Amino acid sequence: MWFDAGWVCEKYGQDIRLGEVIDEIRKYQRGMLCVDRTVGGAYENYVTPEQCVPDIPLNVPWESCLTMGMDFAFTYEDTYKTPREIICTLVDIVAKGGNLAHNQMEDYQNVILIQ
């Protein structure tokens, strides 16, 4: 389960009763991981550095969220990472015990552009 923001919570008037949802899911799938990003606590089973790779290994499960270009959304004038940069980044992340969530965006016609 991936909750992409810490602002969906009771504090901000958006109580989705996350604890109840996760507890119910775990009745059927015990090992299910949950990320409630930026919140911490019982429902953040791993951390997700966004658009960066930690300088040193973290002592918790983690996954870097990176994009092919400079942003998560498509723009024609974006600068894309080279295959070498992507592979070196993946090796760096794995060597530090992390995972890579890599965003591949397509253009407005759902076409992936190759440079």
C-alpha atoms as a PDB file:
ATOM      1  CA  MET A   1       0.000   0.000   0.000  1.00  0.00           C
ATOM      2  CA  TRP A   2       1.409   3.359  -0.968  1.00  0.00           C
ATOM      3  CA  PHE A   3       0.069   6.578   0.499  1.00  0.00           C
ATOM      4  CA  ASP A   4       1.821   9.379  -1.343  1.00  0.00           C
ATOM      5  CA  ALA A   5       1.579  12.131   1.213  1.00  0.00           C
ATOM      6  CA  GLY A   6       1.537  12.644   4.917  1.00  0.00           C
ATOM      7  CA  TRP A   7      -1.241  15.204   4.782  1.00  0.00           C
ATOM      8  CA  VAL A   8      -4.044  12.641   4.430  1.00  0.00           C
ATOM      9  CA  CYS A   9      -4.677  12.359   8.146  1.00  0.00           C
ATOM     10  CA  GLU A  10      -7.048  13.302  10.916  1.00  0.00           C
ATOM     11  CA  LYS A  11      -4.969  16.384  11.748  1.00  0.00           C
ATOM     12  CA  TYR A  12      -5.866  17.898   8.356  1.00  0.00           C
ATOM     13  CA  GLY A  13      -9.511  16.801   8.327  1.00  0.00           C
ATOM     14  CA  GLN A  14      -8.916  13.824   6.024  1.00  0.00           C
ATOM     15  CA  ASP A  15      -9.102  10.887   8.387  1.00  0.00           C
ATOM     16  CA  ILE A  16      -9.177   7.759   6.230  1.00  0.00           C
ATOM     17  CA  ARG A  17      -8.676   5.619   9.352  1.00  0.00           C
ATOM     18  CA  LEU A  18      -5.450   4.275   7.905  1.00  0.00           C
ATOM     19  CA  GLY A  19      -4.734   2.027  10.879  1.00  0.00           C
ATOM     20  CA  GLU A  20      -8.012   0.183  10.430  1.00  0.00           C
ATOM     21  CA  VAL A  21      -7.450  -0.230   6.679  1.00  0.00           C
ATOM     22  CA  ILE A  22      -3.925  -1.606   7.112  1.00  0.00           C
ATOM     23  CA  ASP A  23      -4.892  -3.892   9.990  1.00  0.00           C
ATOM     24  CA  GLU A  24      -7.737  -5.353   7.891  1.00  0.00           C
ATOM     25  CA  ILE A  25      -5.451  -5.940   4.891  1.00  0.00           C
ATOM     26  CA  ARG A  26      -2.849  -7.612   7.098  1.00  0.00           C
ATOM     27  CA  LYS A  27      -5.449 -10.159   8.224  1.00  0.00           C
ATOM     28  CA  TYR A  28      -5.256 -11.544   4.682  1.00  0.00           C
ATOM     29  CA  GLN A  29      -1.687 -10.637   3.734  1.00  0.00           C
ATOM     30  CA  ARG A  30       0.493 -10.507   6.838  1.00  0.00           C
ATOM     31  CA  GLY A  31       3.678  -9.263   5.179  1.00  0.00           C
ATOM     32  CA  MET A  32       2.067  -6.361   3.348  1.00  0.00           C
ATOM     33  CA  LEU A  33       4.275  -3.278   3.467  1.00  0.00           C
ATOM     34  CA  CYS A  34       2.797   0.164   3.891  1.00  0.00           C
ATOM     35  CA  VAL A  35       4.309   3.529   3.175  1.00  0.00           C
ATOM     36  CA  ASP A  36       2.580   6.578   4.542  1.00  0.00           C
ATOM     37  CA  ARG A  37       5.254   8.932   3.326  1.00  0.00           C
ATOM     38  CA  THR A  38       6.694  11.588   5.592  1.00  0.00           C
ATOM     39  CA  VAL A  39       4.558  10.592   8.564  1.00  0.00           C
ATOM     40  CA  GLY A  40       6.655   7.964  10.325  1.00  0.00           C
ATOM     41  CA  GLY A  41       5.241   5.595  12.894  1.00  0.00           C
ATOM     42  CA  ALA A  42       3.542   2.225  12.632  1.00  0.00           C
ATOM     43  CA  TYR A  43       2.390   2.653   9.037  1.00  0.00           C
ATOM     44  CA  GLU A  44       5.648   3.750   7.468  1.00  0.00           C
ATOM     45  CA  ASN A  45       7.443   0.443   6.971  1.00  0.00           C
ATOM     46  CA  TYR A  46      10.163   1.965   4.807  1.00  0.00           C
ATOM     47  CA  VAL A  47      11.328   5.451   3.911  1.00  0.00           C
ATOM     48  CA  THR A  48      11.296   7.019   0.469  1.00  0.00           C
ATOM     49  CA  PRO A  49      13.902   9.685  -0.294  1.00  0.00           C
ATOM     50  CA  GLU A  50      12.512  11.597  -3.272  1.00  0.00           C
ATOM     51  CA  GLN A  51      14.716  12.704  -6.152  1.00  0.00           C
ATOM     52  CA  CYS A  52      17.872  11.800  -4.231  1.00  0.00           C
ATOM     53  CA  VAL A  53      20.067   8.940  -3.104  1.00  0.00           C
ATOM     54  CA  PRO A  54      21.262   8.974   0.517  1.00  0.00           C
ATOM     55  CA  ASP A  55      24.989   9.571   0.906  1.00  0.00           C
ATOM     56  CA  ILE A  56      25.320   6.639   3.301  1.00  0.00           C
ATOM     57  CA  PRO A  57      23.354   3.416   3.830  1.00  0.00           C
ATOM     58  CA  LEU A  58      20.244   3.856   5.939  1.00  0.00           C
ATOM     59  CA  ASN A  59      19.539   1.494   8.816  1.00  0.00           C
ATOM     60  CA  VAL A  60      15.932   1.001   7.711  1.00  0.00           C
ATOM     61  CA  PRO A  61      14.318  -0.342   4.517  1.00  0.00           C
ATOM     62  CA  TRP A  62      14.265   2.411   1.889  1.00  0.00           C
ATOM     63  CA  GLU A  63      13.537   3.208  -1.734  1.00  0.00           C
ATOM     64  CA  SER A  64      14.694   6.240  -3.720  1.00  0.00           C
ATOM     65  CA  CYS A  65      12.003   7.724  -5.958  1.00  0.00           C
ATOM     66  CA  LEU A  66      13.757   9.110  -9.033  1.00  0.00           C
ATOM     67  CA  THR A  67      12.674  10.364 -12.446  1.00  0.00           C
ATOM     68  CA  MET A  68      14.120   9.971 -15.946  1.00  0.00           C
ATOM     69  CA  GLY A  69      14.171  13.744 -16.289  1.00  0.00           C
ATOM     70  CA  MET A  70      14.063  16.643 -13.881  1.00  0.00           C
ATOM     71  CA  ASP A  71      10.433  16.250 -12.784  1.00  0.00           C
ATOM     72  CA  PHE A  72       7.682  13.643 -12.439  1.00  0.00           C
ATOM     73  CA  ALA A  73       5.612  15.262 -15.199  1.00  0.00           C
ATOM     74  CA  PHE A  74       6.441  15.271 -18.913  1.00  0.00           C
ATOM     75  CA  THR A  75       7.816  18.366 -20.651  1.00  0.00           C
ATOM     76  CA  TYR A  76       9.379  18.465 -24.123  1.00  0.00           C
ATOM     77  CA  GLU A  77      12.288  20.604 -22.951  1.00  0.00           C
ATOM     78  CA  ASP A  78      13.257  18.284 -20.081  1.00  0.00           C
ATOM     79  CA  THR A  79      16.800  16.979 -19.721  1.00  0.00           C
ATOM     80  CA  TYR A  80      16.861  13.199 -19.384  1.00  0.00           C
ATOM     81  CA  LYS A  81      19.370  11.012 -17.604  1.00  0.00           C
ATOM     82  CA  THR A  82      21.575   8.859 -19.793  1.00  0.00           C
ATOM     83  CA  PRO A  83      21.379   5.061 -19.580  1.00  0.00           C
ATOM     84  CA  ARG A  84      24.818   5.155 -17.921  1.00  0.00           C
ATOM     85  CA  GLU A  85      23.585   7.593 -15.246  1.00  0.00           C
ATOM     86  CA  ILE A  86      20.542   5.425 -14.549  1.00  0.00           C
ATOM     87  CA  ILE A  87      22.566   2.216 -14.243  1.00  0.00           C
ATOM     88  CA  CYS A  88      25.229   3.857 -12.037  1.00  0.00           C
ATOM     89  CA  THR A  89      22.471   5.266  -9.820  1.00  0.00           C
ATOM     90  CA  LEU A  90      20.815   1.855  -9.536  1.00  0.00           C
ATOM     91  CA  VAL A  91      24.145   0.244  -8.584  1.00  0.00           C
ATOM     92  CA  ASP A  92      24.769   2.971  -5.970  1.00  0.00           C
ATOM     93  CA  ILE A  93      21.303   2.452  -4.451  1.00  0.00           C
ATOM     94  CA  VAL A  94      21.570  -1.350  -4.334  1.00  0.00           C
ATOM     95  CA  ALA A  95      25.084  -1.131  -2.852  1.00  0.00           C
ATOM     96  CA  LYS A  96      23.602   0.931  -0.018  1.00  0.00           C
ATOM     97  CA  GLY A  97      20.809  -1.576   0.599  1.00  0.00           C
ATOM     98  CA  GLY A  98      17.998   0.346  -1.069  1.00  0.00           C
ATOM     99  CA  ASN A  99      15.514  -0.059  -3.900  1.00  0.00           C
ATOM    100  CA  LEU A 100      14.804   2.174  -6.877  1.00  0.00           C
ATOM    101  CA  ALA A 101      11.344   3.413  -7.874  1.00  0.00           C
ATOM    102  CA  HIS A 102      12.038   4.876 -11.296  1.00  0.00           C
ATOM    103  CA  ASN A 103       9.481   7.158 -12.947  1.00  0.00           C
ATOM    104  CA  GLN A 104       9.231   6.849 -16.717  1.00  0.00           C
ATOM    105  CA  MET A 105       6.970   9.546 -18.090  1.00  0.00           C
ATOM    106  CA  GLU A 106       5.400   9.598 -21.523  1.00  0.00           C
ATOM    107  CA  ASP A 107       4.308  12.532 -23.667  1.00  0.00           C
ATOM    108  CA  TYR A 108       0.753  13.803 -23.978  1.00  0.00           C
ATOM    109  CA  GLN A 109      -0.071  11.062 -26.499  1.00  0.00           C
ATOM    110  CA  ASN A 110       1.203   8.317 -24.140  1.00  0.00           C
ATOM    111  CA  VAL A 111       4.408   7.840 -26.148  1.00  0.00           C
ATOM    112  CA  ILE A 112       7.734   7.276 -24.359  1.00  0.00           C
ATOM    113  CA  LEU A 113      10.333   9.482 -25.981  1.00  0.00           C
ATOM    114  CA  ILE A 114      13.835   8.115 -26.432  1.00  0.00           C
ATOM    115  CA  GLN A 115      16.732  10.518 -26.748  1.00  0.00           C
END
